[in-house]
Amino acid sequence: MSDRVLVTGANGCIGAWVVKLLCAEGTEGIAFDMSTDDHRHRLINDGDVPDVKRVVGDLTVQQDVVDAAAGATHIVYLEVVGVPEQLVEELRRSRLLAS
């Protein structure tokens, strides 16, 4: 199975760079963010938006995260909000988060 990486906060400064680097190495990425603003991606990619699956959702809404993480082998957590304990438990049950 190939790596498939969910990047939360993908439209932020660090998130945009993580998405860019994943694309550069040929790793499949899922860009998850509340915002649809892609200006950072365009800024660091010569005006282009990376070819990744983009998911608009709220990290505090458990189902948004569970849906976005479906099929992910890794999660890069760069969002600026805390993770509710219920979400942590759901991710552990679905094997997306190590104990």
C-alpha atoms as a PDB file:
ATOM      1  CA  MET A   1       0.000   0.000   0.000  1.00  0.00           C
ATOM      2  CA  SER A   2       1.365   3.406  -0.935  1.00  0.00           C
ATOM      3  CA  ASP A   3       1.634   6.198   1.580  1.00  0.00           C
ATOM      4  CA  ARG A   4      -1.315   8.557   1.613  1.00  0.00           C
ATOM      5  CA  VAL A   5      -0.864  11.559   3.895  1.00  0.00           C
ATOM      6  CA  LEU A   6      -3.624  13.722   5.351  1.00  0.00           C
ATOM      7  CA  VAL A   7      -2.320  17.234   6.080  1.00  0.00           C
ATOM      8  CA  THR A   8      -4.515  19.227   8.456  1.00  0.00           C
ATOM      9  CA  GLY A   9      -4.062  22.969   8.212  1.00  0.00           C
ATOM     10  CA  ALA A  10      -2.909  22.434   4.631  1.00  0.00           C
ATOM     11  CA  ASN A  11      -3.603  26.023   3.579  1.00  0.00           C
ATOM     12  CA  GLY A  12      -1.434  27.503   6.302  1.00  0.00           C
ATOM     13  CA  CYS A  13       2.187  28.510   5.886  1.00  0.00           C
ATOM     14  CA  ILE A  14       3.752  25.249   7.048  1.00  0.00           C
ATOM     15  CA  GLY A  15       0.913  23.125   5.654  1.00  0.00           C
ATOM     16  CA  ALA A  16       1.362  24.524   2.146  1.00  0.00           C
ATOM     17  CA  TRP A  17       5.060  23.625   2.248  1.00  0.00           C
ATOM     18  CA  VAL A  18       4.310  20.111   3.529  1.00  0.00           C
ATOM     19  CA  VAL A  19       1.859  19.596   0.643  1.00  0.00           C
ATOM     20  CA  LYS A  20       4.445  20.914  -1.828  1.00  0.00           C
ATOM     21  CA  LEU A  21       7.134  18.550  -0.509  1.00  0.00           C
ATOM     22  CA  LEU A  22       4.777  15.554  -0.541  1.00  0.00           C
ATOM     23  CA  CYS A  23       3.947  16.279  -4.180  1.00  0.00           C
ATOM     24  CA  ALA A  24       7.618  16.680  -5.039  1.00  0.00           C
ATOM     25  CA  GLU A  25       8.390  13.208  -3.697  1.00  0.00           C
ATOM     26  CA  GLY A  26       5.372  11.664  -5.383  1.00  0.00           C
ATOM     27  CA  THR A  27       3.453  10.919  -2.195  1.00  0.00           C
ATOM     28  CA  GLU A  28      -0.319  11.150  -2.394  1.00  0.00           C
ATOM     29  CA  GLY A  29      -1.611  13.959  -0.227  1.00  0.00           C
ATOM     30  CA  ILE A  30      -4.969  15.018   1.144  1.00  0.00           C
ATOM     31  CA  ALA A  31      -5.108  18.747   1.918  1.00  0.00           C
ATOM     32  CA  PHE A  32      -7.573  19.386   4.754  1.00  0.00           C
ATOM     33  CA  ASP A  33      -8.456  22.894   5.899  1.00  0.00           C
ATOM     34  CA  MET A  34     -11.440  25.046   6.882  1.00  0.00           C
ATOM     35  CA  SER A  35     -10.362  27.662   4.376  1.00  0.00           C
ATOM     36  CA  THR A  36     -10.585  27.448   0.603  1.00  0.00           C
ATOM     37  CA  ASP A  37      -7.975  30.197   0.226  1.00  0.00           C
ATOM     38  CA  ASP A  38      -5.134  28.726  -1.852  1.00  0.00           C
ATOM     39  CA  HIS A  39      -2.940  31.841  -2.069  1.00  0.00           C
ATOM     40  CA  ARG A  40      -0.062  30.228  -0.131  1.00  0.00           C
ATOM     41  CA  HIS A  41      -0.038  27.249  -2.483  1.00  0.00           C
ATOM     42  CA  ARG A  42       0.059  29.576  -5.496  1.00  0.00           C
ATOM     43  CA  LEU A  43       2.783  31.690  -3.894  1.00  0.00           C
ATOM     44  CA  ILE A  44       5.203  28.775  -3.438  1.00  0.00           C
ATOM     45  CA  ASN A  45       4.235  26.849  -6.597  1.00  0.00           C
ATOM     46  CA  ASP A  46       4.785  29.474  -9.314  1.00  0.00           C
ATOM     47  CA  GLY A  47       1.101  30.394  -9.392  1.00  0.00           C
ATOM     48  CA  ASP A  48      -0.153  26.807  -9.542  1.00  0.00           C
ATOM     49  CA  VAL A  49      -2.207  24.821  -7.051  1.00  0.00           C
ATOM     50  CA  PRO A  50      -0.826  21.338  -6.270  1.00  0.00           C
ATOM     51  CA  ASP A  51      -2.646  18.328  -7.665  1.00  0.00           C
ATOM     52  CA  VAL A  52      -3.904  16.830  -4.404  1.00  0.00           C
ATOM     53  CA  LYS A  53      -7.285  15.895  -3.043  1.00  0.00           C
ATOM     54  CA  ARG A  54      -8.611  18.968  -1.225  1.00  0.00           C
ATOM     55  CA  VAL A  55     -11.094  18.583   1.613  1.00  0.00           C
ATOM     56  CA  VAL A  56     -12.808  21.537   3.243  1.00  0.00           C
ATOM     57  CA  GLY A  57     -13.802  20.701   6.795  1.00  0.00           C
ATOM     58  CA  ASP A  58     -13.642  21.612  10.433  1.00  0.00           C
ATOM     59  CA  LEU A  59     -11.133  19.804  12.628  1.00  0.00           C
ATOM     60  CA  THR A  60     -13.491  20.164  15.587  1.00  0.00           C
ATOM     61  CA  VAL A  61     -16.197  18.228  13.726  1.00  0.00           C
ATOM     62  CA  GLN A  62     -15.350  14.587  14.255  1.00  0.00           C
ATOM     63  CA  GLN A  63     -17.079  13.290  11.128  1.00  0.00           C
ATOM     64  CA  ASP A  64     -15.244  15.821   8.912  1.00  0.00           C
ATOM     65  CA  VAL A  65     -11.915  14.447  10.114  1.00  0.00           C
ATOM     66  CA  VAL A  66     -12.923  10.797   9.986  1.00  0.00           C
ATOM     67  CA  ASP A  67     -14.193  11.256   6.413  1.00  0.00           C
ATOM     68  CA  ALA A  68     -11.053  13.161   5.335  1.00  0.00           C
ATOM     69  CA  ALA A  69      -8.779  10.552   6.927  1.00  0.00           C
ATOM     70  CA  ALA A  70     -10.416   7.602   5.178  1.00  0.00           C
ATOM     71  CA  GLY A  71      -7.650   5.734   3.411  1.00  0.00           C
ATOM     72  CA  ALA A  72      -4.854   7.824   4.936  1.00  0.00           C
ATOM     73  CA  THR A  73      -1.771   5.986   6.150  1.00  0.00           C
ATOM     74  CA  HIS A  74      -0.338   9.031   7.951  1.00  0.00           C
ATOM     75  CA  ILE A  75      -1.613  12.303   9.401  1.00  0.00           C
ATOM     76  CA  VAL A  76       0.418  15.499   9.633  1.00  0.00           C
ATOM     77  CA  TYR A  77      -1.403  17.557  12.246  1.00  0.00           C
ATOM     78  CA  LEU A  78      -0.743  21.268  11.707  1.00  0.00           C
ATOM     79  CA  GLU A  79      -4.092  22.731  12.714  1.00  0.00           C
ATOM     80  CA  VAL A  80      -4.109  25.400  15.396  1.00  0.00           C
ATOM     81  CA  VAL A  81      -6.945  24.006  17.532  1.00  0.00           C
ATOM     82  CA  GLY A  82      -6.859  21.289  20.158  1.00  0.00           C
ATOM     83  CA  VAL A  83      -7.955  17.744  19.416  1.00  0.00           C
ATOM     84  CA  PRO A  84     -11.078  16.640  21.322  1.00  0.00           C
ATOM     85  CA  GLU A  85     -10.498  13.423  23.288  1.00  0.00           C
ATOM     86  CA  GLN A  86     -13.439  11.754  21.533  1.00  0.00           C
ATOM     87  CA  LEU A  87     -11.745  12.334  18.165  1.00  0.00           C
ATOM     88  CA  VAL A  88      -8.453  10.902  19.455  1.00  0.00           C
ATOM     89  CA  GLU A  89     -10.278   7.751  20.567  1.00  0.00           C
ATOM     90  CA  GLU A  90     -12.047   7.399  17.200  1.00  0.00           C
ATOM     91  CA  LEU A  91      -8.743   7.766  15.338  1.00  0.00           C
ATOM     92  CA  ARG A  92      -7.164   5.123  17.581  1.00  0.00           C
ATOM     93  CA  ARG A  93     -10.080   2.745  16.950  1.00  0.00           C
ATOM     94  CA  SER A  94      -9.711   3.224  13.215  1.00  0.00           C
ATOM     95  CA  ARG A  95      -5.913   2.661  13.512  1.00  0.00           C
ATOM     96  CA  LEU A  96      -5.055   6.129  12.212  1.00  0.00           C
ATOM     97  CA  LEU A  97      -3.380   7.115  15.484  1.00  0.00           C
ATOM     98  CA  ALA A  98      -0.912   4.994  17.413  1.00  0.00           C
ATOM     99  CA  SER A  99      -1.596   4.365  21.085  1.00  0.00           C
END
